[in-house]
C-alpha atoms as a PDB file:
ATOM      1  CA  MET A   1     144.982 -14.416-187.515  1.00  0.00           C
ATOM      2  CA  HIS A   2     144.478 -10.909-188.883  1.00  0.00           C
ATOM      3  CA  CYS A   3     144.972 -10.763-192.657  1.00  0.00           C
ATOM      4  CA  SER A   4     145.027  -7.829-195.094  1.00  0.00           C
ATOM      5  CA  VAL A   5     145.001  -7.409-198.869  1.00  0.00           C
ATOM      6  CA  LEU A   6     145.946  -4.522-201.141  1.00  0.00           C
ATOM      7  CA  VAL A   7     144.139  -4.190-204.508  1.00  0.00           C
ATOM      8  CA  VAL A   8     146.029  -1.963-206.968  1.00  0.00           C
ATOM      9  CA  GLU A   9     143.808  -1.351-210.006  1.00  0.00           C
ATOM     10  CA  ASP A  10     142.954   1.840-211.926  1.00  0.00           C
ATOM     11  CA  SER A  11     139.413   0.655-212.645  1.00  0.00           C
ATOM     12  CA  GLU A  12     137.177   1.333-209.655  1.00  0.00           C
ATOM     13  CA  THR A  13     134.646  -1.155-211.042  1.00  0.00           C
ATOM     14  CA  VAL A  14     137.225  -3.971-211.102  1.00  0.00           C
ATOM     15  CA  ARG A  15     138.516  -3.036-207.635  1.00  0.00           C
ATOM     16  CA  ARG A  16     135.027  -3.160-206.193  1.00  0.00           C
ATOM     17  CA  GLU A  17     134.367  -6.509-207.847  1.00  0.00           C
ATOM     18  CA  ILE A  18     137.555  -8.025-206.406  1.00  0.00           C
ATOM     19  CA  VAL A  19     136.836  -6.694-202.924  1.00  0.00           C
ATOM     20  CA  HIS A  20     133.231  -7.939-203.102  1.00  0.00           C
ATOM     21  CA  ILE A  21     134.355 -11.463-204.103  1.00  0.00           C
ATOM     22  CA  LEU A  22     136.987 -11.686-201.391  1.00  0.00           C
ATOM     23  CA  LYS A  23     134.745 -10.265-198.680  1.00  0.00           C
ATOM     24  CA  GLY A  24     132.211 -12.948-199.504  1.00  0.00           C
ATOM     25  CA  LYS A  25     134.780 -15.638-198.697  1.00  0.00           C
ATOM     26  CA  SER A  26     135.923 -14.083-195.368  1.00  0.00           C
ATOM     27  CA  ILE A  27     139.574 -14.498-196.310  1.00  0.00           C
ATOM     28  CA  PHE A  28     140.748 -11.023-195.285  1.00  0.00           C
ATOM     29  CA  ASP A  29     139.963  -8.786-192.334  1.00  0.00           C
ATOM     30  CA  THR A  30     141.225  -5.550-193.878  1.00  0.00           C
ATOM     31  CA  PHE A  31     141.060  -4.269-197.458  1.00  0.00           C
ATOM     32  CA  PHE A  32     143.210  -1.517-198.960  1.00  0.00           C
ATOM     33  CA  GLU A  33     142.735  -0.020-202.418  1.00  0.00           C
ATOM     34  CA  ALA A  34     144.898   2.058-204.764  1.00  0.00           C
ATOM     35  CA  ASP A  35     144.306   3.268-208.325  1.00  0.00           C
ATOM     36  CA  ASP A  36     147.956   3.191-209.454  1.00  0.00           C
ATOM     37  CA  GLY A  37     151.312   1.718-208.439  1.00  0.00           C
ATOM     38  CA  LEU A  38     152.612   4.832-206.705  1.00  0.00           C
ATOM     39  CA  GLN A  39     149.600   5.100-204.423  1.00  0.00           C
ATOM     40  CA  GLY A  40     149.756   1.345-203.845  1.00  0.00           C
ATOM     41  CA  PHE A  41     153.405   1.549-202.800  1.00  0.00           C
ATOM     42  CA  LYS A  42     152.588   4.332-200.317  1.00  0.00           C
ATOM     43  CA  VAL A  43     149.863   2.137-198.809  1.00  0.00           C
ATOM     44  CA  LEU A  44     152.301  -0.773-198.625  1.00  0.00           C
ATOM     45  CA  LEU A  45     154.861   1.322-196.740  1.00  0.00           C
ATOM     46  CA  GLY A  46     152.306   2.416-194.169  1.00  0.00           C
ATOM     47  CA  HIS A  47     150.492  -0.853-193.471  1.00  0.00           C
ATOM     48  CA  LYS A  48     151.170  -4.551-192.983  1.00  0.00           C
ATOM     49  CA  ILE A  49     149.945  -6.230-196.154  1.00  0.00           C
ATOM     50  CA  ASP A  50     149.704 -10.008-196.567  1.00  0.00           C
ATOM     51  CA  LEU A  51     148.892 -10.196-200.278  1.00  0.00           C
ATOM     52  CA  ILE A  52     148.713  -7.816-203.249  1.00  0.00           C
ATOM     53  CA  LEU A  53     146.532  -7.992-206.345  1.00  0.00           C
ATOM     54  CA  CYS A  54     147.988  -5.626-208.948  1.00  0.00           C
ATOM     55  CA  ASP A  55     146.932  -4.620-212.462  1.00  0.00           C
ATOM     56  CA  VAL A  56     149.653  -4.360-215.120  1.00  0.00           C
ATOM     57  CA  ASP A  57     148.373  -1.385-217.142  1.00  0.00           C
ATOM     58  CA  MET A  58     147.872   1.682-214.942  1.00  0.00           C
ATOM     59  CA  PRO A  59     148.592   5.425-215.214  1.00  0.00           C
ATOM     60  CA  MET A  60     151.367   7.146-213.225  1.00  0.00           C
ATOM     61  CA  MET A  61     153.099   3.897-212.290  1.00  0.00           C
ATOM     62  CA  ASP A  62     152.304   0.569-213.942  1.00  0.00           C
ATOM     63  CA  GLY A  63     152.457  -2.891-212.391  1.00  0.00           C
ATOM     64  CA  PHE A  64     156.038  -3.582-213.500  1.00  0.00           C
ATOM     65  CA  LYS A  65     157.442  -0.459-211.860  1.00  0.00           C
ATOM     66  CA  PHE A  66     155.397  -1.267-208.754  1.00  0.00           C
ATOM     67  CA  ILE A  67     156.920  -4.763-208.580  1.00  0.00           C
ATOM     68  CA  SER A  68     160.417  -3.292-208.989  1.00  0.00           C
ATOM     69  CA  LEU A  69     159.827  -0.919-206.075  1.00  0.00           C
ATOM     70  CA  VAL A  70     158.533  -3.732-203.877  1.00  0.00           C
ATOM     71  CA  GLN A  71     161.501  -5.959-204.776  1.00  0.00           C
ATOM     72  CA  SER A  72     163.910  -3.150-203.903  1.00  0.00           C
ATOM     73  CA  ARG A  73     162.799  -3.366-200.283  1.00  0.00           C
ATOM     74  CA  GLU A  74     164.055  -6.429-198.432  1.00  0.00           C
ATOM     75  CA  ASP A  75     161.257  -6.151-195.867  1.00  0.00           C
ATOM     76  CA  LEU A  76     158.599  -6.347-198.610  1.00  0.00           C
ATOM     77  CA  ARG A  77     159.977  -9.069-200.882  1.00  0.00           C
ATOM     78  CA  ASP A  78     158.033 -11.847-199.162  1.00  0.00           C
ATOM     79  CA  VAL A  79     154.635 -10.238-199.845  1.00  0.00           C
ATOM     80  CA  PRO A  80     153.030 -12.254-202.679  1.00  0.00           C
ATOM     81  CA  ILE A  81     151.925 -10.237-205.709  1.00  0.00           C
ATOM     82  CA  ILE A  82     149.285 -11.624-208.070  1.00  0.00           C
ATOM     83  CA  LEU A  83     149.211  -9.758-211.395  1.00  0.00           C
ATOM     84  CA  LEU A  84     145.996  -8.946-213.225  1.00  0.00           C
ATOM     85  CA  THR A  85     146.714  -9.173-216.960  1.00  0.00           C
ATOM     86  CA  GLY A  86     144.837  -9.257-220.243  1.00  0.00           C
ATOM     87  CA  LYS A  87     143.802 -12.665-221.550  1.00  0.00           C
ATOM     88  CA  GLU A  88     146.195 -12.630-224.520  1.00  0.00           C
ATOM     89  CA  ASP A  89     148.971 -10.636-222.823  1.00  0.00           C
ATOM     90  CA  ARG A  90     151.541 -13.472-222.703  1.00  0.00           C
ATOM     91  CA  ASP A  91     154.611 -11.200-222.649  1.00  0.00           C
ATOM     92  CA  SER A  92     153.309  -9.225-219.648  1.00  0.00           C
ATOM     93  CA  LYS A  93     152.727 -12.454-217.727  1.00  0.00           C
ATOM     94  CA  ILE A  94     156.269 -13.673-218.348  1.00  0.00           C
ATOM     95  CA  ARG A  95     157.817 -10.286-217.615  1.00  0.00           C
ATOM     96  CA  GLY A  96     155.865  -9.934-214.372  1.00  0.00           C
ATOM     97  CA  LEU A  97     156.837 -13.392-213.134  1.00  0.00           C
ATOM     98  CA  GLU A  98     160.497 -12.763-214.005  1.00  0.00           C
ATOM     99  CA  GLN A  99     160.467  -9.487-212.060  1.00  0.00           C
ATOM    100  CA  GLY A 100     159.112 -11.083-208.902  1.00  0.00           C
ATOM    101  CA  ALA A 101     155.349 -11.547-209.172  1.00  0.00           C
ATOM    102  CA  SER A 102     154.079 -14.738-207.532  1.00  0.00           C
ATOM    103  CA  ASP A 103     151.291 -15.502-209.986  1.00  0.00           C
ATOM    104  CA  TYR A 104     148.871 -13.937-212.467  1.00  0.00           C
ATOM    105  CA  ILE A 105     145.144 -13.941-213.176  1.00  0.00           C
ATOM    106  CA  THR A 106     143.772 -13.106-216.609  1.00  0.00           C
ATOM    107  CA  LYS A 107     141.019 -10.563-217.107  1.00  0.00           C
ATOM    108  CA  PRO A 108     138.121 -10.961-217.263  1.00  0.00           C
ATOM    109  CA  PHE A 109     138.726 -13.339-214.352  1.00  0.00           C
ATOM    110  CA  ASP A 110     136.689 -16.144-212.875  1.00  0.00           C
ATOM    111  CA  ALA A 111     135.661 -15.555-209.234  1.00  0.00           C
ATOM    112  CA  GLY A 112     136.427 -19.149-208.263  1.00  0.00           C
ATOM    113  CA  GLU A 113     139.899 -19.011-209.809  1.00  0.00           C
ATOM    114  CA  LEU A 114     140.607 -15.677-208.075  1.00  0.00           C
ATOM    115  CA  VAL A 115     139.696 -17.072-204.662  1.00  0.00           C
ATOM    116  CA  ALA A 116     141.620 -20.329-205.230  1.00  0.00           C
ATOM    117  CA  ARG A 117     144.839 -18.563-206.271  1.00  0.00           C
ATOM    118  CA  VAL A 118     144.589 -16.096-203.401  1.00  0.00           C
ATOM    119  CA  LYS A 119     144.182 -18.942-200.874  1.00  0.00           C
ATOM    120  CA  VAL A 120     147.149 -20.855-202.316  1.00  0.00           C
ATOM    121  CA  HIS A 121     149.492 -17.880-202.042  1.00  0.00           C
ATOM    122  CA  LEU A 122     148.276 -16.963-198.568  1.00  0.00           C
ATOM    123  CA  LYS A 123     148.996 -20.525-197.465  1.00  0.00           C
ATOM    124  CA  ILE A 124     152.479 -20.373-199.005  1.00  0.00           C
ATOM    125  CA  LYS A 125     153.151 -17.049-197.269  1.00  0.00           C
ATOM    126  CA  THR A 126     151.958 -18.446-193.931  1.00  0.00           C
ATOM    127  CA  LEU A 127     154.340 -21.393-194.268  1.00  0.00           C
ATOM    128  CA  GLN A 128     157.192 -19.058-195.258  1.00  0.00           C
ATOM    129  CA  ASP A 129     156.496 -16.831-192.246  1.00  0.00           C
ATOM    130  CA  GLN A 130     156.480 -19.832-189.920  1.00  0.00           C
ATOM    131  CA  LEU A 131     159.761 -21.068-191.397  1.00  0.00           C
ATOM    132  CA  LYS A 132     161.302 -17.623-191.027  1.00  0.00           C
ATOM    133  CA  GLN A 133     160.217 -17.419-187.381  1.00  0.00           C
ATOM    134  CA  ALA A 134     161.599 -20.900-186.711  1.00  0.00           C
ATOM    135  CA  ASN A 135     164.937 -19.960-188.298  1.00  0.00           C
ATOM    136  CA  GLU A 136     165.100 -16.739-186.264  1.00  0.00           C
ATOM    137  CA  LEU A 137     164.389 -18.734-183.100  1.00  0.00           C
ATOM    138  CA  LEU A 138     167.100 -21.272-183.954  1.00  0.00           C
ATOM    139  CA  LEU A 139     169.546 -18.436-184.634  1.00  0.00           C
ATOM    140  CA  ALA A 140     168.700 -16.801-181.299  1.00  0.00           C
ATOM    141  CA  ILE A 141     169.142 -20.131-179.498  1.00  0.00           C
ATOM    142  CA  SER A 142     172.513 -20.684-181.181  1.00  0.00           C
ATOM    143  CA  HIS A 143     173.677 -17.273-179.903  1.00  0.00           C
ATOM    144  CA  THR A 144     172.299 -17.536-176.371  1.00  0.00           C
ATOM    145  CA  ASP A 145     173.530 -19.067-173.135  1.00  0.00           C
ATOM    146  CA  HIS A 146     170.692 -21.399-172.116  1.00  0.00           C
ATOM    147  CA  LEU A 147     170.985 -20.669-168.386  1.00  0.00           C
ATOM    148  CA  THR A 148     171.386 -16.896-168.094  1.00  0.00           C
ATOM    149  CA  GLY A 149     169.806 -15.702-171.330  1.00  0.00           C
ATOM    150  CA  LEU A 150     172.908 -13.661-172.123  1.00  0.00           C
ATOM    151  CA  TYR A 151     174.800 -14.172-175.361  1.00  0.00           C
ATOM    152  CA  ASN A 152     177.200 -17.114-175.464  1.00  0.00           C
ATOM    153  CA  ARG A 153     180.950 -17.140-176.010  1.00  0.00           C
ATOM    154  CA  ARG A 154     180.754 -17.782-179.746  1.00  0.00           C
ATOM    155  CA  TYR A 155     178.497 -14.801-180.370  1.00  0.00           C
ATOM    156  CA  LEU A 156     180.620 -12.635-178.064  1.00  0.00           C
ATOM    157  CA  GLU A 157     183.791 -13.418-180.009  1.00  0.00           C
ATOM    158  CA  GLU A 158     182.095 -12.684-183.349  1.00  0.00           C
ATOM    159  CA  THR A 159     180.724  -9.395-182.036  1.00  0.00           C
ATOM    160  CA  LEU A 160     184.030  -8.328-180.530  1.00  0.00           C
ATOM    161  CA  GLU A 161     185.871  -8.999-183.792  1.00  0.00           C
ATOM    162  CA  ARG A 162     183.294  -6.978-185.726  1.00  0.00           C
ATOM    163  CA  GLU A 163     183.354  -4.090-183.243  1.00  0.00           C
ATOM    164  CA  PHE A 164     187.156  -4.073-183.171  1.00  0.00           C
ATOM    165  CA  ARG A 165     187.352  -3.681-186.964  1.00  0.00           C
ATOM    166  CA  ARG A 166     184.709  -0.939-186.885  1.00  0.00           C
ATOM    167  CA  THR A 167     186.565   0.882-184.110  1.00  0.00           C
ATOM    168  CA  GLN A 168     189.819   0.727-186.088  1.00  0.00           C
ATOM    169  CA  ARG A 169     188.117   2.221-189.137  1.00  0.00           C
ATOM    170  CA  LYS A 170     186.416   5.039-187.273  1.00  0.00           C
ATOM    171  CA  GLY A 171     189.130   5.785-184.736  1.00  0.00           C
ATOM    172  CA  ASN A 172     186.814   5.406-181.728  1.00  0.00           C
ATOM    173  CA  ASN A 173     187.265   3.680-178.365  1.00  0.00           C
ATOM    174  CA  LEU A 174     186.269   0.124-177.533  1.00  0.00           C
ATOM    175  CA  ALA A 175     186.268  -1.378-174.034  1.00  0.00           C
ATOM    176  CA  VAL A 176     186.004  -4.928-172.737  1.00  0.00           C
ATOM    177  CA  MET A 177     184.989  -5.830-169.196  1.00  0.00           C
ATOM    178  CA  ILE A 178     185.369  -9.256-167.575  1.00  0.00           C
ATOM    179  CA  LEU A 179     183.409 -10.098-164.423  1.00  0.00           C
ATOM    180  CA  ASP A 180     184.288 -13.115-162.288  1.00  0.00           C
ATOM    181  CA  ILE A 181     182.162 -14.085-159.268  1.00  0.00           C
ATOM    182  CA  ASP A 182     184.280 -14.321-156.143  1.00  0.00           C
ATOM    183  CA  HIS A 183     184.406 -17.715-154.381  1.00  0.00           C
ATOM    184  CA  PHE A 184     181.653 -19.117-156.576  1.00  0.00           C
ATOM    185  CA  LYS A 185     182.804 -22.713-156.011  1.00  0.00           C
ATOM    186  CA  MET A 186     182.008 -22.246-152.341  1.00  0.00           C
ATOM    187  CA  VAL A 187     178.424 -21.284-153.253  1.00  0.00           C
ATOM    188  CA  ASN A 188     178.026 -24.468-155.300  1.00  0.00           C
ATOM    189  CA  ASP A 189     179.669 -26.650-152.653  1.00  0.00           C
ATOM    190  CA  THR A 190     177.665 -25.163-149.770  1.00  0.00           C
ATOM    191  CA  TYR A 191     174.222 -24.657-151.285  1.00  0.00           C
ATOM    192  CA  GLY A 192     174.197 -26.910-154.346  1.00  0.00           C
ATOM    193  CA  HIS A 193     174.367 -26.333-158.086  1.00  0.00           C
ATOM    194  CA  GLN A 194     170.716 -25.345-158.377  1.00  0.00           C
ATOM    195  CA  GLN A 195     171.268 -22.420-156.016  1.00  0.00           C
ATOM    196  CA  GLY A 196     174.517 -21.696-157.830  1.00  0.00           C
ATOM    197  CA  ASP A 197     172.554 -21.422-161.080  1.00  0.00           C
ATOM    198  CA  TYR A 198     170.182 -18.988-159.379  1.00  0.00           C
ATOM    199  CA  VAL A 199     173.142 -16.798-158.377  1.00  0.00           C
ATOM    200  CA  LEU A 200     174.500 -16.894-161.937  1.00  0.00           C
ATOM    201  CA  CYS A 201     171.146 -15.797-163.367  1.00  0.00           C
ATOM    202  CA  LYS A 202     170.725 -13.046-160.785  1.00  0.00           C
ATOM    203  CA  ILE A 203     174.199 -11.630-161.428  1.00  0.00           C
ATOM    204  CA  ALA A 204     173.675 -11.881-165.194  1.00  0.00           C
ATOM    205  CA  ALA A 205     170.560  -9.712-164.795  1.00  0.00           C
ATOM    206  CA  LEU A 206     172.424  -7.174-162.642  1.00  0.00           C
ATOM    207  CA  PHE A 207     175.267  -7.171-165.156  1.00  0.00           C
ATOM    208  CA  GLN A 208     173.024  -6.472-168.125  1.00  0.00           C
ATOM    209  CA  ARG A 209     170.863  -3.916-166.308  1.00  0.00           C
ATOM    210  CA  VAL A 210     173.699  -1.389-166.026  1.00  0.00           C
ATOM    211  CA  LEU A 211     174.886  -1.825-169.612  1.00  0.00           C
ATOM    212  CA  ARG A 212     173.449   0.121-172.519  1.00  0.00           C
ATOM    213  CA  GLU A 213     171.162  -1.358-175.152  1.00  0.00           C
ATOM    214  CA  TYR A 214     173.933  -1.483-177.763  1.00  0.00           C
ATOM    215  CA  ASP A 215     176.520  -3.063-175.438  1.00  0.00           C
ATOM    216  CA  THR A 216     176.926  -6.839-175.697  1.00  0.00           C
ATOM    217  CA  ALA A 217     176.797  -8.935-172.508  1.00  0.00           C
ATOM    218  CA  ALA A 218     177.780 -12.600-172.623  1.00  0.00           C
ATOM    219  CA  ARG A 219     178.485 -15.524-170.369  1.00  0.00           C
ATOM    220  CA  PHE A 220     182.045 -16.474-171.224  1.00  0.00           C
ATOM    221  CA  GLY A 221     182.068 -19.701-169.266  1.00  0.00           C
ATOM    222  CA  GLY A 222     181.453 -20.903-165.707  1.00  0.00           C
ATOM    223  CA  GLU A 223     181.115 -17.865-163.444  1.00  0.00           C
ATOM    224  CA  GLU A 224     182.739 -15.452-165.906  1.00  0.00           C
ATOM    225  CA  PHE A 225     180.863 -12.783-167.840  1.00  0.00           C
ATOM    226  CA  ILE A 226     182.140 -10.382-170.495  1.00  0.00           C
ATOM    227  CA  ALA A 227     180.798  -7.129-171.876  1.00  0.00           C
ATOM    228  CA  VAL A 228     181.816  -5.509-175.170  1.00  0.00           C
ATOM    229  CA  ILE A 229     181.294  -1.768-174.720  1.00  0.00           C
ATOM    230  CA  PRO A 230     181.648   0.298-177.933  1.00  0.00           C
ATOM    231  CA  GLU A 231     182.672   3.965-178.038  1.00  0.00           C
ATOM    232  CA  THR A 232     183.814   3.847-174.415  1.00  0.00           C
ATOM    233  CA  SER A 233     187.183   4.831-172.955  1.00  0.00           C
ATOM    234  CA  LEU A 234     189.058   2.923-170.260  1.00  0.00           C
ATOM    235  CA  SER A 235     188.015   5.351-167.515  1.00  0.00           C
ATOM    236  CA  GLU A 236     184.361   5.326-168.664  1.00  0.00           C
ATOM    237  CA  ALA A 237     184.347   1.515-168.697  1.00  0.00           C
ATOM    238  CA  ARG A 238     185.878   1.513-165.209  1.00  0.00           C
ATOM    239  CA  ASN A 239     182.948   3.608-163.946  1.00  0.00           C
ATOM    240  CA  ILE A 240     180.458   1.192-165.506  1.00  0.00           C
ATOM    241  CA  ALA A 241     182.252  -1.767-163.929  1.00  0.00           C
ATOM    242  CA  GLU A 242     182.245  -0.062-160.536  1.00  0.00           C
ATOM    243  CA  ARG A 243     178.476   0.488-160.704  1.00  0.00           C
ATOM    244  CA  ILE A 244     177.959  -3.191-161.499  1.00  0.00           C
ATOM    245  CA  ARG A 245     180.371  -4.235-158.726  1.00  0.00           C
ATOM    246  CA  ALA A 246     178.541  -2.077-156.178  1.00  0.00           C
ATOM    247  CA  SER A 247     175.144  -3.337-157.350  1.00  0.00           C
ATOM    248  CA  ILE A 248     176.220  -6.961-156.829  1.00  0.00           C
ATOM    249  CA  GLU A 249     177.761  -6.239-153.433  1.00  0.00           C
ATOM    250  CA  GLU A 250     174.576  -4.507-152.218  1.00  0.00           C
ATOM    251  CA  THR A 251     172.265  -7.319-153.356  1.00  0.00           C
ATOM    252  CA  LEU A 252     171.049 -10.034-150.978  1.00  0.00           C
ATOM    253  CA  PHE A 253     170.851 -13.425-152.698  1.00  0.00           C
ATOM    254  CA  SER A 254     168.239 -15.869-151.408  1.00  0.00           C
ATOM    255  CA  VAL A 255     169.799 -19.337-151.410  1.00  0.00           C
ATOM    256  CA  GLY A 256     167.742 -21.979-149.670  1.00  0.00           C
ATOM    257  CA  ASP A 257     166.643 -20.573-146.323  1.00  0.00           C
ATOM    258  CA  GLU A 258     169.486 -18.088-146.181  1.00  0.00           C
ATOM    259  CA  LYS A 259     170.252 -14.669-147.581  1.00  0.00           C
ATOM    260  CA  ILE A 260     173.862 -14.204-148.535  1.00  0.00           C
ATOM    261  CA  ARG A 261     176.042 -11.535-150.101  1.00  0.00           C
ATOM    262  CA  ILE A 262     178.117 -12.151-153.201  1.00  0.00           C
ATOM    263  CA  THR A 263     180.958 -10.073-154.604  1.00  0.00           C
ATOM    264  CA  ALA A 264     182.665 -10.005-157.977  1.00  0.00           C
ATOM    265  CA  SER A 265     186.020  -8.944-159.393  1.00  0.00           C
ATOM    266  CA  PHE A 266     186.468  -7.042-162.639  1.00  0.00           C
ATOM    267  CA  GLY A 267     189.163  -6.615-165.253  1.00  0.00           C
ATOM    268  CA  VAL A 268     188.820  -3.827-167.814  1.00  0.00           C
ATOM    269  CA  SER A 269     190.766  -3.071-170.992  1.00  0.00           C
ATOM    270  CA  ALA A 270     190.232  -0.610-173.826  1.00  0.00           C
ATOM    271  CA  PHE A 271     191.426   0.127-177.334  1.00  0.00           C
ATOM    272  CA  PRO A 272     193.420   2.040-178.448  1.00  0.00           C
ATOM    273  CA  ALA A 273     196.335   0.984-176.244  1.00  0.00           C
ATOM    274  CA  GLU A 274     199.936   0.138-177.011  1.00  0.00           C
ATOM    275  CA  GLU A 275     199.696  -3.589-176.275  1.00  0.00           C
ATOM    276  CA  ILE A 276     196.303  -4.099-177.936  1.00  0.00           C
ATOM    277  CA  ARG A 277     196.493  -4.895-181.650  1.00  0.00           C
ATOM    278  CA  SER A 278     193.589  -7.322-182.017  1.00  0.00           C
ATOM    279  CA  ALA A 279     190.229  -8.299-180.558  1.00  0.00           C
ATOM    280  CA  ASP A 280     191.894 -11.220-178.776  1.00  0.00           C
ATOM    281  CA  ASP A 281     194.323  -8.783-177.149  1.00  0.00           C
ATOM    282  CA  LEU A 282     191.397  -6.912-175.595  1.00  0.00           C
ATOM    283  CA  ILE A 283     190.259 -10.079-173.822  1.00  0.00           C
ATOM    284  CA  ARG A 284     193.803 -11.100-172.890  1.00  0.00           C
ATOM    285  CA  VAL A 285     194.579  -7.718-171.336  1.00  0.00           C
ATOM    286  CA  ALA A 286     191.219  -7.560-169.519  1.00  0.00           C
ATOM    287  CA  ASP A 287     191.880 -11.059-168.161  1.00  0.00           C
ATOM    288  CA  LYS A 288     195.268  -9.861-166.947  1.00  0.00           C
ATOM    289  CA  ALA A 289     193.533  -6.999-165.139  1.00  0.00           C
ATOM    290  CA  LEU A 290     191.034  -9.462-163.647  1.00  0.00           C
ATOM    291  CA  TYR A 291     193.894 -11.561-162.284  1.00  0.00           C
ATOM    292  CA  SER A 292     195.290  -8.418-160.691  1.00  0.00           C
ATOM    293  CA  ALA A 293     191.915  -7.755-159.030  1.00  0.00           C
ATOM    294  CA  LYS A 294     191.898 -11.295-157.644  1.00  0.00           C
ATOM    295  CA  ILE A 295     195.369 -11.155-156.100  1.00  0.00           C
ATOM    296  CA  LYS A 296     194.662  -7.713-154.622  1.00  0.00           C
ATOM    297  CA  GLY A 297     191.798  -9.070-152.549  1.00  0.00           C
ATOM    298  CA  ARG A 298     188.817  -9.454-154.912  1.00  0.00           C
ATOM    299  CA  ASN A 299     185.622  -7.344-155.014  1.00  0.00           C
ATOM    300  CA  ARG A 300     187.408  -4.626-156.968  1.00  0.00           C
ATOM    301  CA  VAL A 301     187.883  -3.202-160.459  1.00  0.00           C
ATOM    302  CA  GLU A 302     191.334  -3.281-162.050  1.00  0.00           C
ATOM    303  CA  LEU A 303     192.408  -1.715-165.338  1.00  0.00           C
ATOM    304  CA  MET A 304     195.052  -2.538-167.878  1.00  0.00           C
ATOM    305  CA  PRO A 305     197.078  -0.460-168.200  1.00  0.00           C
ATOM    306  CA  PRO A 306     196.659   0.462-164.496  1.00  0.00           C
ATOM    307  CA  ASP A 307     195.386   3.938-163.615  1.00  0.00           C
ATOM    308  CA  PRO A 308     197.368   5.181-160.583  1.00  0.00           C
ATOM    309  CA  SER A 309     194.947   8.073-160.036  1.00  0.00           C
ATOM    310  CA  TYR A 310     191.962   5.764-159.592  1.00  0.00           C
ATOM    311  CA  SER A 311     190.339   5.468-156.174  1.00  0.00           C
ATOM    312  CA  LEU A 312     186.790   4.960-154.993  1.00  0.00           C
ATOM    313  CA  SER A 313     186.790   8.408-153.420  1.00  0.00           C
ATOM    314  CA  ASN A 314     187.311  10.186-156.719  1.00  0.00           C
ATOM    315  CA  LEU A 315     185.266   7.817-158.904  1.00  0.00           C
ATOM    316  CA  PHE A 316     182.184   9.990-159.228  1.00  0.00           C
ATOM    317  CA  ALA A 317     184.022  13.290-158.980  1.00  0.00           C
ATOM    318  CA  GLU A 318     185.267  13.060-162.578  1.00  0.00           C
END
């Protein structure tokens, strides 16, 4: 694993000594140097640093101000900082540790102690990084539908509530689209659940492909998918839904030894609208539109409130 260290020390002699000791132990692959806190902070912003050795007394910006700057950045707070302090400088040691330093080494320092403390804090940082990655993975799993890779219903509802409040504050538009696969039970009954899962995954990919990066696509349950589409009007969301509908209809799905065609029905709602006063209303109204699409023959997009001017012939003429 690639590892880098930043040595912030105004004495070039001390910097060189530290670098020489650490190079001899093959702990780090890359070494960065700075002669004061300001230069050190600039290096830290431009490079991935795994550990910092920092002197307390420096011109321009001392070690305490450097620590404060590092602690002000959430993305840098996990980088361990080992202070270099004078042998009798008890107050500086306490102050540095209180401000966020991980440890201290007194000058003149012992090479063995320097290496030992560096290794300890690198090991702690490695364990912290692994824990952070594990927590991020668990969070992603808790938000994700295990079959399709889309977000799950819980995450969708949280996102919709958040986007609805933001839309109310800013006075923008917010659309919700519900997709339901037509006659999906027949696919499961005829070809088996494994092939049904394949169809679900394929349609989930087609669904997400048309949406923008900042839209949220989720599997709402069974063969139903929902998209939360910020800053989008009802007519704009209708056009997006129509592109997805056409993409599904034009796709051949390989199930067993056969290639079949699948269609889907869509219900679309958008805020602001007279009957929409909450995030739940957006889903309820979109579901109402979906029901309308089903009873009108499926494989179509329906809006709530309905748009009497809408037809496939004028869809792309707007």
